[in-house]
N, C-alpha and C. Protein backbone atom coordinates (compact mmCIF):
# COMPACT_ATOMS: atom_id res chain seq x y z
N MET A 1 4.09 -38.15 -0.14
CA MET A 1 4.54 -37.96 1.03
C MET A 1 3.60 -36.67 1.62
N LYS A 2 2.94 -36.12 2.56
CA LYS A 2 1.95 -35.14 3.29
C LYS A 2 2.78 -34.06 3.59
N TRP A 3 2.51 -33.08 2.64
CA TRP A 3 3.13 -31.55 3.10
C TRP A 3 3.13 -31.16 4.71
N ASP A 4 4.67 -30.99 4.78
CA ASP A 4 4.65 -30.25 5.94
C ASP A 4 4.59 -28.60 6.05
N PHE A 5 3.32 -28.02 6.60
CA PHE A 5 3.04 -26.59 6.26
C PHE A 5 4.24 -25.88 7.39
N SER A 6 5.06 -26.77 8.01
CA SER A 6 5.93 -25.98 8.98
C SER A 6 7.50 -25.54 8.30
N ARG A 7 7.39 -25.98 7.16
CA ARG A 7 8.57 -25.92 6.24
C ARG A 7 8.73 -24.64 5.54
N TYR A 8 7.82 -24.45 5.22
CA TYR A 8 7.51 -22.87 4.51
C TYR A 8 6.08 -21.95 5.13
N THR A 9 6.80 -20.63 5.24
CA THR A 9 5.50 -19.79 5.45
C THR A 9 5.72 -18.75 4.55
N PRO A 10 4.21 -18.30 3.66
CA PRO A 10 4.56 -17.65 2.70
C PRO A 10 4.16 -16.58 3.31
N ASP A 11 4.55 -15.42 2.47
CA ASP A 11 3.97 -14.36 3.02
C ASP A 11 2.63 -14.25 2.49
N VAL A 12 2.01 -14.66 1.49
CA VAL A 12 0.46 -14.14 0.88
C VAL A 12 0.61 -15.62 0.03
N VAL A 13 -1.11 -15.65 0.56
CA VAL A 13 -1.37 -17.03 -0.41
C VAL A 13 -2.28 -16.62 -1.00
N CYS A 14 -2.78 -16.78 -2.14
CA CYS A 14 -3.82 -16.75 -3.07
C CYS A 14 -4.38 -17.65 -3.67
N VAL A 15 -5.51 -17.76 -3.72
CA VAL A 15 -6.57 -18.78 -4.11
C VAL A 15 -7.53 -18.82 -5.07
N ASN A 16 -7.79 -19.26 -6.02
CA ASN A 16 -8.59 -18.74 -6.92
C ASN A 16 -9.73 -19.98 -6.78
N LEU A 17 -10.94 -19.09 -6.30
CA LEU A 17 -12.16 -20.03 -6.43
C LEU A 17 -13.38 -19.71 -6.76
N GLY A 18 -13.86 -20.88 -7.02
CA GLY A 18 -15.42 -20.68 -7.81
C GLY A 18 -16.07 -21.21 -8.73
N THR A 19 -15.28 -21.38 -9.85
CA THR A 19 -15.07 -21.77 -11.47
C THR A 19 -15.94 -23.12 -11.14
N ASN A 20 -15.31 -24.41 -10.79
CA ASN A 20 -15.83 -25.94 -10.87
C ASN A 20 -16.94 -25.28 -9.79
N ASP A 21 -16.80 -24.77 -8.67
CA ASP A 21 -18.07 -24.74 -7.57
C ASP A 21 -19.71 -24.62 -8.25
N VAL A 22 -19.23 -23.83 -9.46
CA VAL A 22 -20.77 -23.12 -9.93
C VAL A 22 -20.71 -23.88 -10.84
N SER A 23 -20.10 -24.89 -11.70
CA SER A 23 -20.27 -24.75 -13.09
C SER A 23 -21.40 -25.38 -13.62
N THR A 24 -22.02 -26.25 -12.69
CA THR A 24 -23.22 -27.41 -12.78
C THR A 24 -24.29 -26.98 -12.12
N ASP A 25 -25.72 -26.52 -12.70
CA ASP A 25 -26.78 -26.72 -11.62
C ASP A 25 -27.42 -27.75 -11.27
N PRO A 26 -27.58 -27.89 -10.01
CA PRO A 26 -28.11 -26.63 -9.29
C PRO A 26 -26.98 -26.69 -8.40
N TYR A 27 -26.16 -25.70 -7.63
CA TYR A 27 -25.32 -25.29 -6.45
C TYR A 27 -26.29 -24.61 -5.75
N ASP A 28 -25.57 -24.91 -4.56
CA ASP A 28 -26.67 -24.44 -3.35
C ASP A 28 -25.55 -23.00 -2.58
N LYS A 29 -25.98 -22.15 -2.68
CA LYS A 29 -24.99 -20.69 -2.72
C LYS A 29 -24.99 -20.75 -1.31
N THR A 30 -25.64 -21.02 0.10
CA THR A 30 -25.26 -20.98 1.34
C THR A 30 -24.30 -22.41 1.47
N MET A 31 -24.25 -23.46 0.64
CA MET A 31 -22.99 -24.07 0.92
C MET A 31 -21.82 -23.57 0.31
N LEU A 32 -21.92 -22.86 -0.53
CA LEU A 32 -20.82 -22.46 -1.19
C LEU A 32 -20.01 -21.63 -0.10
N GLU A 33 -20.89 -20.75 0.29
CA GLU A 33 -20.05 -19.87 1.29
C GLU A 33 -19.68 -20.69 2.73
N ASN A 34 -20.43 -21.22 2.95
CA ASN A 34 -20.02 -22.22 3.94
C ASN A 34 -18.52 -23.05 3.88
N ALA A 35 -18.38 -23.52 2.38
CA ALA A 35 -17.01 -24.51 2.39
C ALA A 35 -16.45 -23.44 2.31
N TYR A 36 -16.19 -22.32 1.55
CA TYR A 36 -15.64 -21.34 1.38
C TYR A 36 -14.71 -20.81 2.87
N ARG A 37 -15.82 -20.44 3.81
CA ARG A 37 -15.41 -20.06 5.07
C ARG A 37 -14.85 -21.10 5.99
N ASP A 38 -15.42 -22.54 5.72
CA ASP A 38 -14.19 -23.97 6.71
C ASP A 38 -12.81 -23.31 5.74
N PHE A 39 -12.79 -23.71 4.37
CA PHE A 39 -11.33 -23.70 3.71
C PHE A 39 -10.56 -22.02 4.35
N TYR A 40 -11.22 -20.79 4.35
CA TYR A 40 -10.64 -19.77 5.32
C TYR A 40 -9.95 -20.26 6.47
N TYR A 41 -10.96 -21.13 7.60
CA TYR A 41 -10.43 -21.34 8.30
C TYR A 41 -9.23 -22.59 8.86
N THR A 42 -9.17 -23.25 7.66
CA THR A 42 -7.84 -24.30 7.10
C THR A 42 -6.57 -23.73 7.33
N LEU A 43 -6.65 -22.72 5.77
CA LEU A 43 -5.58 -21.97 5.51
C LEU A 43 -5.39 -20.93 6.53
N ARG A 44 -6.31 -20.58 7.45
CA ARG A 44 -5.53 -19.50 8.81
C ARG A 44 -5.12 -20.07 9.79
N ALA A 45 -5.27 -21.51 9.73
CA ALA A 45 -4.33 -22.24 10.96
C ALA A 45 -3.75 -22.56 10.65
N LYS A 46 -3.59 -22.90 9.31
CA LYS A 46 -1.74 -23.40 8.31
C LYS A 46 -0.80 -22.32 8.42
N TYR A 47 -1.83 -20.82 8.30
CA TYR A 47 -1.21 -19.96 7.89
C TYR A 47 -1.33 -18.58 8.63
N PRO A 48 -1.04 -18.61 10.25
CA PRO A 48 -1.28 -18.01 10.65
C PRO A 48 -1.31 -16.18 10.47
N ASN A 49 0.27 -16.01 10.34
CA ASN A 49 0.56 -14.79 9.73
C ASN A 49 0.80 -14.11 8.18
N SER A 50 0.29 -15.18 7.38
CA SER A 50 0.29 -14.88 6.40
C SER A 50 -1.30 -13.94 5.68
N LYS A 51 -1.10 -13.03 4.55
CA LYS A 51 -2.11 -12.36 4.22
C LYS A 51 -2.62 -13.67 3.43
N ILE A 52 -3.84 -13.49 3.53
CA ILE A 52 -4.38 -14.13 2.63
C ILE A 52 -5.44 -13.53 1.21
N VAL A 53 -5.32 -13.90 -0.07
CA VAL A 53 -6.11 -13.36 -1.12
C VAL A 53 -6.88 -14.27 -1.74
N PHE A 54 -8.62 -14.20 -1.65
CA PHE A 54 -9.79 -15.11 -2.24
C PHE A 54 -9.60 -14.12 -3.79
N LEU A 55 -9.49 -15.43 -4.51
CA LEU A 55 -10.05 -14.37 -5.79
C LEU A 55 -10.77 -15.17 -6.80
N SER A 56 -11.80 -14.11 -7.80
CA SER A 56 -12.63 -14.85 -8.41
C SER A 56 -11.59 -15.29 -9.80
N GLY A 57 -11.82 -15.72 -11.08
CA GLY A 57 -11.31 -16.38 -12.05
C GLY A 57 -11.85 -15.78 -13.26
N CYS A 58 -11.16 -15.75 -14.17
CA CYS A 58 -11.52 -14.73 -15.54
C CYS A 58 -12.85 -15.59 -16.06
N MET A 59 -13.05 -16.97 -15.67
CA MET A 59 -13.89 -17.68 -16.70
C MET A 59 -15.31 -17.38 -16.23
N LEU A 60 -15.36 -16.49 -14.78
CA LEU A 60 -16.83 -16.54 -14.54
C LEU A 60 -17.63 -15.33 -14.89
N VAL A 61 -18.80 -15.29 -15.16
CA VAL A 61 -19.67 -14.12 -15.65
C VAL A 61 -20.96 -14.28 -15.07
N GLY A 62 -21.80 -13.12 -15.36
CA GLY A 62 -23.34 -13.40 -14.75
C GLY A 62 -23.32 -13.47 -13.43
N ARG A 63 -24.51 -14.67 -13.32
CA ARG A 63 -24.69 -14.63 -12.02
C ARG A 63 -23.98 -15.67 -11.46
N ARG A 64 -23.53 -16.32 -12.00
CA ARG A 64 -22.18 -17.48 -11.39
C ARG A 64 -21.27 -16.60 -10.20
N LEU A 65 -20.84 -15.66 -11.20
CA LEU A 65 -19.78 -14.48 -10.73
C LEU A 65 -20.07 -13.91 -9.58
N GLU A 66 -21.45 -13.36 -9.45
CA GLU A 66 -22.04 -12.46 -8.63
C GLU A 66 -22.02 -13.55 -7.29
N HIS A 67 -22.43 -14.76 -7.44
CA HIS A 67 -23.10 -15.85 -6.02
C HIS A 67 -21.39 -16.05 -5.66
N VAL A 68 -20.15 -16.05 -6.52
CA VAL A 68 -19.00 -16.64 -5.80
C VAL A 68 -18.59 -15.20 -5.05
N GLN A 69 -18.83 -13.99 -5.63
CA GLN A 69 -18.44 -12.98 -4.98
C GLN A 69 -19.09 -12.71 -3.93
N PHE A 70 -20.36 -12.71 -3.82
CA PHE A 70 -21.13 -12.38 -2.46
C PHE A 70 -20.56 -13.78 -1.65
N ALA A 71 -20.35 -15.14 -1.99
CA ALA A 71 -19.70 -15.85 -0.65
C ALA A 71 -18.36 -15.31 -0.38
N LEU A 72 -17.51 -15.20 -1.32
CA LEU A 72 -16.04 -14.74 -0.93
C LEU A 72 -16.36 -13.57 -0.09
N ASP A 73 -17.00 -12.78 -0.33
CA ASP A 73 -17.19 -11.41 0.35
C ASP A 73 -17.87 -11.33 1.56
N GLY A 74 -18.65 -12.58 1.58
CA GLY A 74 -19.26 -13.06 3.72
C GLY A 74 -18.08 -13.35 4.13
N VAL A 75 -16.97 -14.07 3.47
CA VAL A 75 -15.83 -14.87 4.10
C VAL A 75 -15.03 -13.83 4.64
N VAL A 76 -14.73 -12.96 3.79
CA VAL A 76 -13.68 -11.52 4.15
C VAL A 76 -14.41 -10.97 5.12
N ARG A 77 -16.20 -10.62 5.22
CA ARG A 77 -16.28 -9.51 5.77
C ARG A 77 -16.39 -10.27 7.41
N GLN A 78 -16.67 -11.97 7.56
CA GLN A 78 -16.65 -12.54 8.76
C GLN A 78 -15.63 -12.59 9.53
N ALA A 79 -14.31 -12.74 8.71
CA ALA A 79 -13.24 -12.81 9.05
C ALA A 79 -12.27 -11.41 9.84
N ARG A 80 -13.02 -10.30 8.73
CA ARG A 80 -12.42 -8.86 9.59
C ARG A 80 -13.16 -8.95 10.82
N LEU A 81 -14.67 -9.26 10.81
CA LEU A 81 -15.63 -9.04 11.95
C LEU A 81 -15.16 -9.49 13.27
N LYS A 82 -13.90 -10.56 13.09
CA LYS A 82 -13.47 -11.41 14.12
C LYS A 82 -11.76 -11.00 13.87
N GLY A 83 -11.58 -9.72 13.93
CA GLY A 83 -10.25 -9.13 14.08
C GLY A 83 -9.17 -9.91 13.04
N ASP A 84 -9.31 -10.67 12.19
CA ASP A 84 -8.49 -10.98 11.04
C ASP A 84 -8.57 -9.64 10.09
N ASP A 85 -7.33 -9.18 9.82
CA ASP A 85 -7.07 -7.56 8.69
C ASP A 85 -6.41 -8.30 7.76
N LYS A 86 -6.08 -9.53 7.91
CA LYS A 86 -5.02 -10.15 6.89
C LYS A 86 -5.52 -10.94 5.67
N VAL A 87 -6.94 -10.54 5.34
CA VAL A 87 -7.62 -11.60 4.41
C VAL A 87 -8.32 -10.47 3.44
N TYR A 88 -8.43 -10.82 2.06
CA TYR A 88 -8.35 -9.79 0.77
C TYR A 88 -9.14 -10.50 -0.18
N ARG A 89 -9.91 -9.40 -0.78
CA ARG A 89 -10.49 -10.32 -2.04
C ARG A 89 -9.92 -9.53 -3.39
N PHE A 90 -9.91 -10.19 -4.64
CA PHE A 90 -9.72 -9.47 -6.15
C PHE A 90 -10.19 -10.27 -6.91
N ASP A 91 -10.33 -9.62 -7.80
CA ASP A 91 -11.35 -10.42 -8.80
C ASP A 91 -10.41 -10.11 -10.26
N MET A 92 -10.62 -11.17 -10.65
CA MET A 92 -9.35 -11.05 -12.31
C MET A 92 -10.84 -10.39 -13.11
N SER A 93 -10.67 -10.12 -14.32
CA SER A 93 -10.60 -9.47 -15.29
C SER A 93 -11.71 -10.63 -16.42
N SER A 94 -13.20 -10.40 -16.41
CA SER A 94 -13.47 -11.60 -16.89
C SER A 94 -13.13 -11.82 -18.43
N GLN A 95 -12.88 -13.08 -18.84
CA GLN A 95 -12.47 -13.37 -20.21
C GLN A 95 -13.79 -13.12 -21.46
N THR A 96 -13.42 -12.08 -22.43
CA THR A 96 -14.03 -12.11 -23.38
C THR A 96 -14.15 -12.86 -24.61
N GLY A 97 -12.93 -13.81 -24.98
CA GLY A 97 -12.74 -14.12 -25.85
C GLY A 97 -11.52 -13.48 -26.95
N ASP A 98 -11.64 -11.88 -26.24
CA ASP A 98 -10.66 -11.19 -27.34
C ASP A 98 -9.09 -11.94 -27.58
N LEU A 99 -9.19 -12.52 -26.14
CA LEU A 99 -7.38 -12.99 -26.47
C LEU A 99 -7.64 -14.49 -26.71
N GLY A 100 -8.03 -15.17 -26.97
CA GLY A 100 -8.19 -16.36 -27.21
C GLY A 100 -9.14 -17.27 -26.54
N TYR A 101 -8.87 -18.56 -26.62
CA TYR A 101 -9.38 -19.37 -25.30
C TYR A 101 -8.33 -20.76 -25.24
N GLY A 102 -8.19 -21.22 -24.62
CA GLY A 102 -7.47 -22.35 -24.17
C GLY A 102 -8.65 -23.56 -24.48
N ALA A 103 -8.26 -24.67 -23.80
CA ALA A 103 -8.80 -26.33 -24.06
C ALA A 103 -10.49 -25.87 -22.96
N SER A 104 -11.36 -26.25 -23.79
CA SER A 104 -12.97 -26.18 -23.16
C SER A 104 -12.94 -25.13 -22.53
N TRP A 105 -12.70 -23.79 -23.30
CA TRP A 105 -12.97 -22.32 -22.53
C TRP A 105 -12.09 -21.99 -21.62
N HIS A 106 -11.34 -22.48 -21.33
CA HIS A 106 -10.20 -22.15 -20.36
C HIS A 106 -9.59 -20.94 -20.90
N PRO A 107 -8.65 -20.38 -20.01
CA PRO A 107 -7.93 -19.08 -20.39
C PRO A 107 -6.56 -19.46 -21.11
N SER A 108 -6.74 -18.97 -22.06
CA SER A 108 -5.87 -18.69 -23.44
C SER A 108 -4.12 -18.19 -22.45
N LEU A 109 -3.04 -18.72 -23.56
CA LEU A 109 -1.78 -18.19 -22.82
C LEU A 109 -1.87 -16.66 -22.36
N TRP A 110 -2.41 -15.78 -23.46
CA TRP A 110 -2.65 -14.24 -23.60
C TRP A 110 -3.41 -14.18 -22.27
N GLN A 111 -4.73 -15.05 -22.01
CA GLN A 111 -5.37 -14.16 -21.20
C GLN A 111 -4.60 -15.12 -19.50
N GLN A 112 -3.71 -15.70 -19.74
CA GLN A 112 -3.47 -16.06 -18.61
C GLN A 112 -2.36 -14.88 -18.22
N GLU A 113 -1.27 -14.19 -19.18
CA GLU A 113 -0.43 -13.15 -19.00
C GLU A 113 -1.16 -12.21 -18.73
N LYS A 114 -2.27 -11.65 -18.83
CA LYS A 114 -3.27 -10.30 -18.19
C LYS A 114 -3.57 -11.03 -17.11
N MET A 115 -4.09 -12.29 -16.49
CA MET A 115 -4.08 -12.39 -15.41
C MET A 115 -3.19 -12.28 -14.56
N ALA A 116 -2.21 -12.05 -14.72
CA ALA A 116 -0.78 -12.64 -13.79
C ALA A 116 -0.29 -10.97 -13.83
N SER A 117 -0.62 -10.12 -14.83
CA SER A 117 -0.32 -8.75 -15.06
C SER A 117 -1.10 -7.78 -13.64
N GLU A 118 -2.79 -8.54 -14.02
CA GLU A 118 -3.80 -7.81 -12.53
C GLU A 118 -3.09 -8.29 -11.43
N LEU A 119 -3.04 -9.50 -10.87
CA LEU A 119 -2.92 -9.79 -9.75
C LEU A 119 -1.26 -9.38 -9.34
N THR A 120 -0.39 -9.48 -10.14
CA THR A 120 1.30 -9.13 -9.73
C THR A 120 0.69 -7.15 -9.31
N THR A 121 0.08 -6.77 -9.75
CA THR A 121 -0.03 -5.31 -9.95
C THR A 121 -0.62 -4.70 -8.57
N TYR A 122 -1.58 -6.11 -8.50
CA TYR A 122 -2.27 -5.84 -6.93
C TYR A 122 -1.47 -6.23 -5.73
N LEU A 123 -0.67 -7.13 -6.12
CA LEU A 123 -0.19 -7.73 -5.33
C LEU A 123 1.01 -6.81 -4.57
N ARG A 124 1.90 -6.19 -5.32
CA ARG A 124 3.07 -5.20 -5.64
C ARG A 124 2.04 -4.47 -4.30
N GLY A 125 0.86 -3.47 -4.46
CA GLY A 125 0.33 -3.05 -3.63
C GLY A 125 0.08 -3.14 -2.50
N LEU A 126 -0.42 -4.34 -2.16
CA LEU A 126 -1.20 -4.84 -0.98
C LEU A 126 0.46 -5.43 -0.31
N MET A 127 1.23 -5.74 -0.96
CA MET A 127 2.37 -6.26 -0.19
C MET A 127 3.84 -5.38 -0.40
N LYS A 128 3.78 -3.87 -0.95
CA LYS A 128 4.28 -3.28 -0.60
C LYS A 128 5.77 -3.82 -1.69
N TRP A 129 5.58 -4.65 -2.61
CA TRP A 129 6.65 -4.93 -3.58
C TRP A 129 6.78 -4.28 -4.30
N PHE A 130 7.72 -2.62 -4.02
CA PHE A 130 8.04 -1.81 -4.94
C PHE A 130 9.27 -2.08 -6.37
């Protein structure tokens, strides 16, 4: 069954992007930003009044993280220039291994809890959920 977007309208949509997009070389930074921009347009069409938060996850570090952040920042900047003040960016803290790892270097339960706490704190302020 295909999802009917009119059935539910969230106050905020959070999307974690980038980890798999830059997991192998080579990848094209321009294509990355273009794909993220197209995805933004799709989300905005489905949810015209929701806030959208683009996230970079904990698995990215170094140049890969920089490339994803640059692409997402570009999408947000262009959206805002076109008058959309309901699109945001948030970066999770990069995992260091201190909290262990899950399968194939994915976040451990403790890393997931840390990310949930970071995002919850950010969203409470953004959405004024006190």
